[in-house]
Amino acid sequence: MIFLWILLVWNIVVFGFYAVDKYKAIHHLWRIPEKVLLTEAIIGGGLGAILAGQICHHKTRKWYFWLAWIIGVIVDIALVLVIINLM
């Protein structure tokens, strides 16, 4: 059960990274590197990343972000299934 909470918190953190990067983009501040955002999405933050992309309208035109988000959601689903099967 704790691993499901960790996965949820990780997705919230990833959402926050995307939201902060959008804020920085609007205000012409130092940005979070794309490789960081992409990596976070792929390693279990897919749901948070795709939600942030849609809600904040951030990085939605770049095909490689969509690919990373879809892979991340698949990883999220796989992790949830593995965690549930181990319980």
PDB file of N, CA and C in Angstrom:
ATOM      1  N   MET A   1       0.820  -1.200   0.000  1.00  0.00           N
ATOM      2  CA  MET A   1       0.000   0.000   0.000  1.00  0.00           C
ATOM      3  C   MET A   1       0.865   1.266   0.000  1.00  0.00           C
ATOM      4  N   ILE A   2       1.981   1.213   0.728  1.00  0.00           N
ATOM      5  CA  ILE A   2       2.857   2.380   0.800  1.00  0.00           C
ATOM      6  C   ILE A   2       3.409   2.737  -0.577  1.00  0.00           C
ATOM      7  N   PHE A   3       3.650   1.725  -1.425  1.00  0.00           N
ATOM      8  CA  PHE A   3       4.191   1.986  -2.760  1.00  0.00           C
ATOM      9  C   PHE A   3       3.190   2.717  -3.646  1.00  0.00           C
ATOM     10  N   LEU A   4       1.902   2.457  -3.445  1.00  0.00           N
ATOM     11  CA  LEU A   4       0.886   3.199  -4.194  1.00  0.00           C
ATOM     12  C   LEU A   4       0.897   4.671  -3.786  1.00  0.00           C
ATOM     13  N   TRP A   5       1.080   4.926  -2.498  1.00  0.00           N
ATOM     14  CA  TRP A   5       1.165   6.308  -2.022  1.00  0.00           C
ATOM     15  C   TRP A   5       2.409   6.999  -2.573  1.00  0.00           C
ATOM     16  N   ILE A   6       3.521   6.265  -2.610  1.00  0.00           N
ATOM     17  CA  ILE A   6       4.758   6.823  -3.168  1.00  0.00           C
ATOM     18  C   ILE A   6       4.560   7.180  -4.636  1.00  0.00           C
ATOM     19  N   LEU A   7       3.895   6.312  -5.384  1.00  0.00           N
ATOM     20  CA  LEU A   7       3.622   6.577  -6.797  1.00  0.00           C
ATOM     21  C   LEU A   7       2.722   7.800  -6.952  1.00  0.00           C
ATOM     22  N   LEU A   8       1.726   7.924  -6.104  1.00  0.00           N
ATOM     23  CA  LEU A   8       0.843   9.089  -6.145  1.00  0.00           C
ATOM     24  C   LEU A   8       1.623  10.375  -5.852  1.00  0.00           C
ATOM     25  N   VAL A   9       2.442  10.347  -4.815  1.00  0.00           N
ATOM     26  CA  VAL A   9       3.239  11.527  -4.460  1.00  0.00           C
ATOM     27  C   VAL A   9       4.198  11.880  -5.597  1.00  0.00           C
ATOM     28  N   TRP A  10       4.819  10.873  -6.203  1.00  0.00           N
ATOM     29  CA  TRP A  10       5.733  11.130  -7.321  1.00  0.00           C
ATOM     30  C   TRP A  10       4.996  11.819  -8.475  1.00  0.00           C
ATOM     31  N   ASN A  11       3.795  11.381  -8.791  1.00  0.00           N
ATOM     32  CA  ASN A  11       3.035  12.010  -9.865  1.00  0.00           C
ATOM     33  C   ASN A  11       2.663  13.446  -9.510  1.00  0.00           C
ATOM     34  N   ILE A  12       2.392  13.714  -8.251  1.00  0.00           N
ATOM     35  CA  ILE A  12       2.113  15.085  -7.815  1.00  0.00           C
ATOM     36  C   ILE A  12       3.367  15.946  -7.952  1.00  0.00           C
ATOM     37  N   VAL A  13       4.515  15.395  -7.597  1.00  0.00           N
ATOM     38  CA  VAL A  13       5.786  16.116  -7.745  1.00  0.00           C
ATOM     39  C   VAL A  13       6.049  16.438  -9.216  1.00  0.00           C
ATOM     40  N   VAL A  14       5.832  15.460 -10.087  1.00  0.00           N
ATOM     41  CA  VAL A  14       6.045  15.678 -11.525  1.00  0.00           C
ATOM     42  C   VAL A  14       5.092  16.750 -12.038  1.00  0.00           C
ATOM     43  N   PHE A  15       3.830  16.696 -11.616  1.00  0.00           N
ATOM     44  CA  PHE A  15       2.867  17.739 -11.981  1.00  0.00           C
ATOM     45  C   PHE A  15       3.417  19.104 -11.577  1.00  0.00           C
ATOM     46  N   GLY A  16       3.952  19.181 -10.374  1.00  0.00           N
ATOM     47  CA  GLY A  16       4.519  20.433  -9.884  1.00  0.00           C
ATOM     48  C   GLY A  16       5.682  20.929 -10.728  1.00  0.00           C
ATOM     49  N   PHE A  17       6.555  20.015 -11.149  1.00  0.00           N
ATOM     50  CA  PHE A  17       7.674  20.404 -12.003  1.00  0.00           C
ATOM     51  C   PHE A  17       7.182  21.016 -13.311  1.00  0.00           C
ATOM     52  N   TYR A  18       6.184  20.400 -13.926  1.00  0.00           N
ATOM     53  CA  TYR A  18       5.641  20.926 -15.182  1.00  0.00           C
ATOM     54  C   TYR A  18       4.971  22.282 -14.958  1.00  0.00           C
ATOM     55  N   ALA A  19       4.248  22.423 -13.857  1.00  0.00           N
ATOM     56  CA  ALA A  19       3.579  23.693 -13.562  1.00  0.00           C
ATOM     57  C   ALA A  19       4.605  24.800 -13.308  1.00  0.00           C
ATOM     58  N   VAL A  20       5.656  24.487 -12.571  1.00  0.00           N
ATOM     59  CA  VAL A  20       6.712  25.471 -12.312  1.00  0.00           C
ATOM     60  C   VAL A  20       7.408  25.855 -13.613  1.00  0.00           C
ATOM     61  N   ASP A  21       7.666  24.876 -14.478  1.00  0.00           N
ATOM     62  CA  ASP A  21       8.314  25.183 -15.752  1.00  0.00           C
ATOM     63  C   ASP A  21       7.431  26.077 -16.612  1.00  0.00           C
ATOM     64  N   LYS A  22       6.137  25.859 -16.589  1.00  0.00           N
ATOM     65  CA  LYS A  22       5.221  26.726 -17.335  1.00  0.00           C
ATOM     66  C   LYS A  22       5.267  28.149 -16.774  1.00  0.00           C
ATOM     67  N   TYR A  23       5.257  28.267 -15.461  1.00  0.00           N
ATOM     68  CA  TYR A  23       5.355  29.583 -14.825  1.00  0.00           C
ATOM     69  C   TYR A  23       6.644  30.284 -15.253  1.00  0.00           C
ATOM     70  N   LYS A  24       7.757  29.531 -15.224  1.00  0.00           N
ATOM     71  CA  LYS A  24       9.041  30.105 -15.615  1.00  0.00           C
ATOM     72  C   LYS A  24       9.054  30.497 -17.089  1.00  0.00           C
ATOM     73  N   ALA A  25       8.379  29.732 -17.924  1.00  0.00           N
ATOM     74  CA  ALA A  25       8.312  30.066 -19.348  1.00  0.00           C
ATOM     75  C   ALA A  25       7.564  31.377 -19.557  1.00  0.00           C
ATOM     76  N   ILE A  26       6.481  31.548 -18.843  1.00  0.00           N
ATOM     77  CA  ILE A  26       5.679  32.770 -18.973  1.00  0.00           C
ATOM     78  C   ILE A  26       6.466  33.992 -18.506  1.00  0.00           C
ATOM     79  N   HIS A  27       7.238  33.827 -17.437  1.00  0.00           N
ATOM     80  CA  HIS A  27       7.952  34.955 -16.830  1.00  0.00           C
ATOM     81  C   HIS A  27       9.411  35.069 -17.285  1.00  0.00           C
ATOM     82  N   HIS A  28       9.777  34.326 -18.321  1.00  0.00           N
ATOM     83  CA  HIS A  28      11.123  34.398 -18.912  1.00  0.00           C
ATOM     84  C   HIS A  28      12.225  34.159 -17.880  1.00  0.00           C
ATOM     85  N   LEU A  29      12.033  33.147 -17.055  1.00  0.00           N
ATOM     86  CA  LEU A  29      13.012  32.770 -16.041  1.00  0.00           C
ATOM     87  C   LEU A  29      13.758  31.521 -16.489  1.00  0.00           C
ATOM     88  N   TRP A  30      14.786  31.140 -15.716  1.00  0.00           N
ATOM     89  CA  TRP A  30      15.539  29.928 -15.992  1.00  0.00           C
ATOM     90  C   TRP A  30      14.585  28.742 -15.988  1.00  0.00           C
ATOM     91  N   ARG A  31      14.688  27.897 -17.009  1.00  0.00           N
ATOM     92  CA  ARG A  31      13.747  26.794 -17.205  1.00  0.00           C
ATOM     93  C   ARG A  31      14.302  25.467 -16.706  1.00  0.00           C
ATOM     94  N   ILE A  32      13.408  24.548 -16.438  1.00  0.00           N
ATOM     95  CA  ILE A  32      13.776  23.177 -16.115  1.00  0.00           C
ATOM     96  C   ILE A  32      14.118  22.490 -17.440  1.00  0.00           C
ATOM     97  N   PRO A  33      15.273  21.820 -17.529  1.00  0.00           N
ATOM     98  CA  PRO A  33      15.649  21.182 -18.797  1.00  0.00           C
ATOM     99  C   PRO A  33      14.611  20.148 -19.252  1.00  0.00           C
ATOM    100  N   GLU A  34      14.409  20.087 -20.571  1.00  0.00           N
ATOM    101  CA  GLU A  34      13.437  19.140 -21.116  1.00  0.00           C
ATOM    102  C   GLU A  34      13.778  17.710 -20.741  1.00  0.00           C
ATOM    103  N   LYS A  35      15.074  17.375 -20.707  1.00  0.00           N
ATOM    104  CA  LYS A  35      15.452  15.998 -20.374  1.00  0.00           C
ATOM    105  C   LYS A  35      15.007  15.626 -18.959  1.00  0.00           C
ATOM    106  N   VAL A  36      14.964  16.590 -18.053  1.00  0.00           N
ATOM    107  CA  VAL A  36      14.481  16.325 -16.691  1.00  0.00           C
ATOM    108  C   VAL A  36      12.984  16.035 -16.727  1.00  0.00           C
ATOM    109  N   LEU A  37      12.226  16.873 -17.428  1.00  0.00           N
ATOM    110  CA  LEU A  37      10.775  16.679 -17.517  1.00  0.00           C
ATOM    111  C   LEU A  37      10.443  15.350 -18.194  1.00  0.00           C
ATOM    112  N   LEU A  38      11.152  15.033 -19.266  1.00  0.00           N
ATOM    113  CA  LEU A  38      10.900  13.780 -19.980  1.00  0.00           C
ATOM    114  C   LEU A  38      11.237  12.573 -19.110  1.00  0.00           C
ATOM    115  N   THR A  39      12.368  12.629 -18.425  1.00  0.00           N
ATOM    116  CA  THR A  39      12.784  11.511 -17.574  1.00  0.00           C
ATOM    117  C   THR A  39      11.799  11.291 -16.435  1.00  0.00           C
ATOM    118  N   GLU A  40      11.365  12.372 -15.808  1.00  0.00           N
ATOM    119  CA  GLU A  40      10.396  12.246 -14.716  1.00  0.00           C
ATOM    120  C   GLU A  40       9.109  11.582 -15.189  1.00  0.00           C
ATOM    121  N   ALA A  41       8.674  11.940 -16.386  1.00  0.00           N
ATOM    122  CA  ALA A  41       7.443  11.359 -16.918  1.00  0.00           C
ATOM    123  C   ALA A  41       7.603   9.865 -17.153  1.00  0.00           C
ATOM    124  N   ILE A  42       8.733   9.469 -17.728  1.00  0.00           N
ATOM    125  CA  ILE A  42       8.933   8.068 -18.100  1.00  0.00           C
ATOM    126  C   ILE A  42       9.118   7.174 -16.882  1.00  0.00           C
ATOM    127  N   ILE A  43       9.750   7.672 -15.827  1.00  0.00           N
ATOM    128  CA  ILE A  43      10.045   6.800 -14.678  1.00  0.00           C
ATOM    129  C   ILE A  43       8.934   6.798 -13.631  1.00  0.00           C
ATOM    130  N   GLY A  44       7.711   6.864 -14.087  1.00  0.00           N
ATOM    131  CA  GLY A  44       6.583   6.691 -13.179  1.00  0.00           C
ATOM    132  C   GLY A  44       5.750   7.926 -12.945  1.00  0.00           C
ATOM    133  N   GLY A  45       6.060   9.008 -13.637  1.00  0.00           N
ATOM    134  CA  GLY A  45       5.287  10.229 -13.450  1.00  0.00           C
ATOM    135  C   GLY A  45       4.421  10.574 -14.642  1.00  0.00           C
ATOM    136  N   GLY A  46       4.063   9.581 -15.416  1.00  0.00           N
ATOM    137  CA  GLY A  46       3.311   9.817 -16.647  1.00  0.00           C
ATOM    138  C   GLY A  46       1.966  10.477 -16.436  1.00  0.00           C
ATOM    139  N   LEU A  47       1.238  10.034 -15.455  1.00  0.00           N
ATOM    140  CA  LEU A  47      -0.089  10.599 -15.211  1.00  0.00           C
ATOM    141  C   LEU A  47       0.012  12.055 -14.754  1.00  0.00           C
ATOM    142  N   GLY A  48       0.921  12.338 -13.850  1.00  0.00           N
ATOM    143  CA  GLY A  48       1.121  13.716 -13.409  1.00  0.00           C
ATOM    144  C   GLY A  48       1.575  14.618 -14.542  1.00  0.00           C
ATOM    145  N   ALA A  49       2.438  14.094 -15.405  1.00  0.00           N
ATOM    146  CA  ALA A  49       2.949  14.880 -16.532  1.00  0.00           C
ATOM    147  C   ALA A  49       1.856  15.172 -17.547  1.00  0.00           C
ATOM    148  N   ILE A  50       1.078  14.168 -17.888  1.00  0.00           N
ATOM    149  CA  ILE A  50       0.035  14.377 -18.900  1.00  0.00           C
ATOM    150  C   ILE A  50      -1.064  15.294 -18.363  1.00  0.00           C
ATOM    151  N   LEU A  51      -1.393  15.174 -17.081  1.00  0.00           N
ATOM    152  CA  LEU A  51      -2.381  16.081 -16.488  1.00  0.00           C
ATOM    153  C   LEU A  51      -1.860  17.518 -16.464  1.00  0.00           C
ATOM    154  N   ALA A  52      -0.602  17.690 -16.087  1.00  0.00           N
ATOM    155  CA  ALA A  52      -0.018  19.037 -16.076  1.00  0.00           C
ATOM    156  C   ALA A  52       0.045  19.607 -17.482  1.00  0.00           C
ATOM    157  N   GLY A  53       0.395  18.770 -18.445  1.00  0.00           N
ATOM    158  CA  GLY A  53       0.444  19.234 -19.827  1.00  0.00           C
ATOM    159  C   GLY A  53      -0.900  19.748 -20.297  1.00  0.00           C
ATOM    160  N   GLN A  54      -1.952  19.049 -19.935  1.00  0.00           N
ATOM    161  CA  GLN A  54      -3.293  19.446 -20.357  1.00  0.00           C
ATOM    162  C   GLN A  54      -3.827  20.636 -19.551  1.00  0.00           C
ATOM    163  N   ILE A  55      -3.648  20.606 -18.246  1.00  0.00           N
ATOM    164  CA  ILE A  55      -4.184  21.673 -17.398  1.00  0.00           C
ATOM    165  C   ILE A  55      -3.409  22.976 -17.592  1.00  0.00           C
ATOM    166  N   CYS A  56      -2.079  22.887 -17.658  1.00  0.00           N
ATOM    167  CA  CYS A  56      -1.241  24.083 -17.788  1.00  0.00           C
ATOM    168  C   CYS A  56      -0.963  24.450 -19.244  1.00  0.00           C
ATOM    169  N   HIS A  57      -1.426  23.638 -20.180  1.00  0.00           N
ATOM    170  CA  HIS A  57      -1.158  23.851 -21.609  1.00  0.00           C
ATOM    171  C   HIS A  57       0.345  23.997 -21.848  1.00  0.00           C
ATOM    172  N   HIS A  58       1.084  23.000 -21.376  1.00  0.00           N
ATOM    173  CA  HIS A  58       2.542  23.078 -21.440  1.00  0.00           C
ATOM    174  C   HIS A  58       3.110  21.856 -22.139  1.00  0.00           C
ATOM    175  N   LYS A  59       3.917  22.092 -23.153  1.00  0.00           N
ATOM    176  CA  LYS A  59       4.633  21.062 -23.906  1.00  0.00           C
ATOM    177  C   LYS A  59       3.697  20.144 -24.688  1.00  0.00           C
ATOM    178  N   THR A  60       2.499  20.589 -24.985  1.00  0.00           N
ATOM    179  CA  THR A  60       1.525  19.725 -25.655  1.00  0.00           C
ATOM    180  C   THR A  60       1.734  19.647 -27.160  1.00  0.00           C
ATOM    181  N   ARG A  61       2.529  20.522 -27.730  1.00  0.00           N
ATOM    182  CA  ARG A  61       2.746  20.509 -29.181  1.00  0.00           C
ATOM    183  C   ARG A  61       3.957  19.689 -29.598  1.00  0.00           C
ATOM    184  N   LYS A  62       4.728  19.237 -28.642  1.00  0.00           N
ATOM    185  CA  LYS A  62       5.945  18.491 -28.958  1.00  0.00           C
ATOM    186  C   LYS A  62       5.652  16.998 -28.911  1.00  0.00           C
ATOM    187  N   TRP A  63       5.880  16.349 -30.049  1.00  0.00           N
ATOM    188  CA  TRP A  63       5.529  14.935 -30.167  1.00  0.00           C
ATOM    189  C   TRP A  63       6.292  14.081 -29.169  1.00  0.00           C
ATOM    190  N   TYR A  64       7.539  14.412 -28.884  1.00  0.00           N
ATOM    191  CA  TYR A  64       8.326  13.574 -27.989  1.00  0.00           C
ATOM    192  C   TYR A  64       7.853  13.678 -26.540  1.00  0.00           C
ATOM    193  N   PHE A  65       7.193  14.770 -26.184  1.00  0.00           N
ATOM    194  CA  PHE A  65       6.578  14.831 -24.857  1.00  0.00           C
ATOM    195  C   PHE A  65       5.363  13.915 -24.809  1.00  0.00           C
ATOM    196  N   TRP A  66       4.553  13.929 -25.858  1.00  0.00           N
ATOM    197  CA  TRP A  66       3.406  13.018 -25.900  1.00  0.00           C
ATOM    198  C   TRP A  66       3.869  11.569 -25.802  1.00  0.00           C
ATOM    199  N   LEU A  67       4.936  11.228 -26.505  1.00  0.00           N
ATOM    200  CA  LEU A  67       5.468   9.868 -26.451  1.00  0.00           C
ATOM    201  C   LEU A  67       5.918   9.525 -25.030  1.00  0.00           C
ATOM    202  N   ALA A  68       6.655  10.432 -24.402  1.00  0.00           N
ATOM    203  CA  ALA A  68       7.117  10.194 -23.028  1.00  0.00           C
ATOM    204  C   ALA A  68       5.942  10.069 -22.069  1.00  0.00           C
ATOM    205  N   TRP A  69       4.907  10.897 -22.261  1.00  0.00           N
ATOM    206  CA  TRP A  69       3.744  10.837 -21.385  1.00  0.00           C
ATOM    207  C   TRP A  69       3.015   9.511 -21.526  1.00  0.00           C
ATOM    208  N   ILE A  70       2.849   9.051 -22.750  1.00  0.00           N
ATOM    209  CA  ILE A  70       2.159   7.775 -22.972  1.00  0.00           C
ATOM    210  C   ILE A  70       2.969   6.629 -22.379  1.00  0.00           C
ATOM    211  N   ILE A  71       4.280   6.638 -22.612  1.00  0.00           N
ATOM    212  CA  ILE A  71       5.131   5.611 -22.005  1.00  0.00           C
ATOM    213  C   ILE A  71       5.028   5.691 -20.484  1.00  0.00           C
ATOM    214  N   GLY A  72       5.032   6.893 -19.948  1.00  0.00           N
ATOM    215  CA  GLY A  72       4.923   7.073 -18.500  1.00  0.00           C
ATOM    216  C   GLY A  72       3.618   6.555 -17.930  1.00  0.00           C
ATOM    217  N   VAL A  73       2.523   6.773 -18.637  1.00  0.00           N
ATOM    218  CA  VAL A  73       1.224   6.258 -18.178  1.00  0.00           C
ATOM    219  C   VAL A  73       1.234   4.730 -18.214  1.00  0.00           C
ATOM    220  N   ILE A  74       1.833   4.154 -19.251  1.00  0.00           N
ATOM    221  CA  ILE A  74       1.947   2.691 -19.323  1.00  0.00           C
ATOM    222  C   ILE A  74       2.782   2.178 -18.155  1.00  0.00           C
ATOM    223  N   VAL A  75       3.867   2.866 -17.841  1.00  0.00           N
ATOM    224  CA  VAL A  75       4.695   2.489 -16.687  1.00  0.00           C
ATOM    225  C   VAL A  75       3.890   2.615 -15.398  1.00  0.00           C
ATOM    226  N   ASP A  76       3.114   3.686 -15.261  1.00  0.00           N
ATOM    227  CA  ASP A  76       2.258   3.858 -14.080  1.00  0.00           C
ATOM    228  C   ASP A  76       1.286   2.691 -13.928  1.00  0.00           C
ATOM    229  N   ILE A  77       0.624   2.334 -15.008  1.00  0.00           N
ATOM    230  CA  ILE A  77      -0.341   1.228 -14.971  1.00  0.00           C
ATOM    231  C   ILE A  77       0.362  -0.068 -14.593  1.00  0.00           C
ATOM    232  N   ALA A  78       1.522  -0.316 -15.203  1.00  0.00           N
ATOM    233  CA  ALA A  78       2.273  -1.535 -14.896  1.00  0.00           C
ATOM    234  C   ALA A  78       2.691  -1.567 -13.427  1.00  0.00           C
ATOM    235  N   LEU A  79       3.158  -0.448 -12.909  1.00  0.00           N
ATOM    236  CA  LEU A  79       3.557  -0.395 -11.499  1.00  0.00           C
ATOM    237  C   LEU A  79       2.380  -0.649 -10.566  1.00  0.00           C
ATOM    238  N   VAL A  80       1.238  -0.057 -10.875  1.00  0.00           N
ATOM    239  CA  VAL A  80       0.047  -0.276 -10.043  1.00  0.00           C
ATOM    240  C   VAL A  80      -0.347  -1.748 -10.069  1.00  0.00           C
ATOM    241  N   LEU A  81      -0.332  -2.357 -11.247  1.00  0.00           N
ATOM    242  CA  LEU A  81      -0.693  -3.776 -11.346  1.00  0.00           C
ATOM    243  C   LEU A  81       0.285  -4.654 -10.573  1.00  0.00           C
ATOM    244  N   VAL A  82       1.568  -4.364 -10.669  1.00  0.00           N
ATOM    245  CA  VAL A  82       2.568  -5.138  -9.928  1.00  0.00           C
ATOM    246  C   VAL A  82       2.365  -4.963  -8.427  1.00  0.00           C
ATOM    247  N   ILE A  83       2.155  -3.737  -7.992  1.00  0.00           N
ATOM    248  CA  ILE A  83       1.958  -3.474  -6.562  1.00  0.00           C
ATOM    249  C   ILE A  83       0.712  -4.182  -6.050  1.00  0.00           C
ATOM    250  N   ILE A  84      -0.374  -4.127  -6.807  1.00  0.00           N
ATOM    251  CA  ILE A  84      -1.616  -4.781  -6.385  1.00  0.00           C
ATOM    252  C   ILE A  84      -1.432  -6.289  -6.318  1.00  0.00           C
ATOM    253  N   ASN A  85      -0.715  -6.858  -7.278  1.00  0.00           N
ATOM    254  CA  ASN A  85      -0.490  -8.305  -7.272  1.00  0.00           C
ATOM    255  C   ASN A  85       0.406  -8.750  -6.131  1.00  0.00           C
ATOM    256  N   LEU A  86       1.264  -7.873  -5.642  1.00  0.00           N
ATOM    257  CA  LEU A  86       2.145  -8.216  -4.526  1.00  0.00           C
ATOM    258  C   LEU A  86       1.456  -8.092  -3.174  1.00  0.00           C
ATOM    259  N   MET A  87       0.305  -7.428  -3.145  1.00  0.00           N
ATOM    260  CA  MET A  87      -0.405  -7.226  -1.881  1.00  0.00           C
ATOM    261  C   MET A  87      -1.161  -8.467  -1.475  1.00  0.00           C
TER     262      MET A  87
END
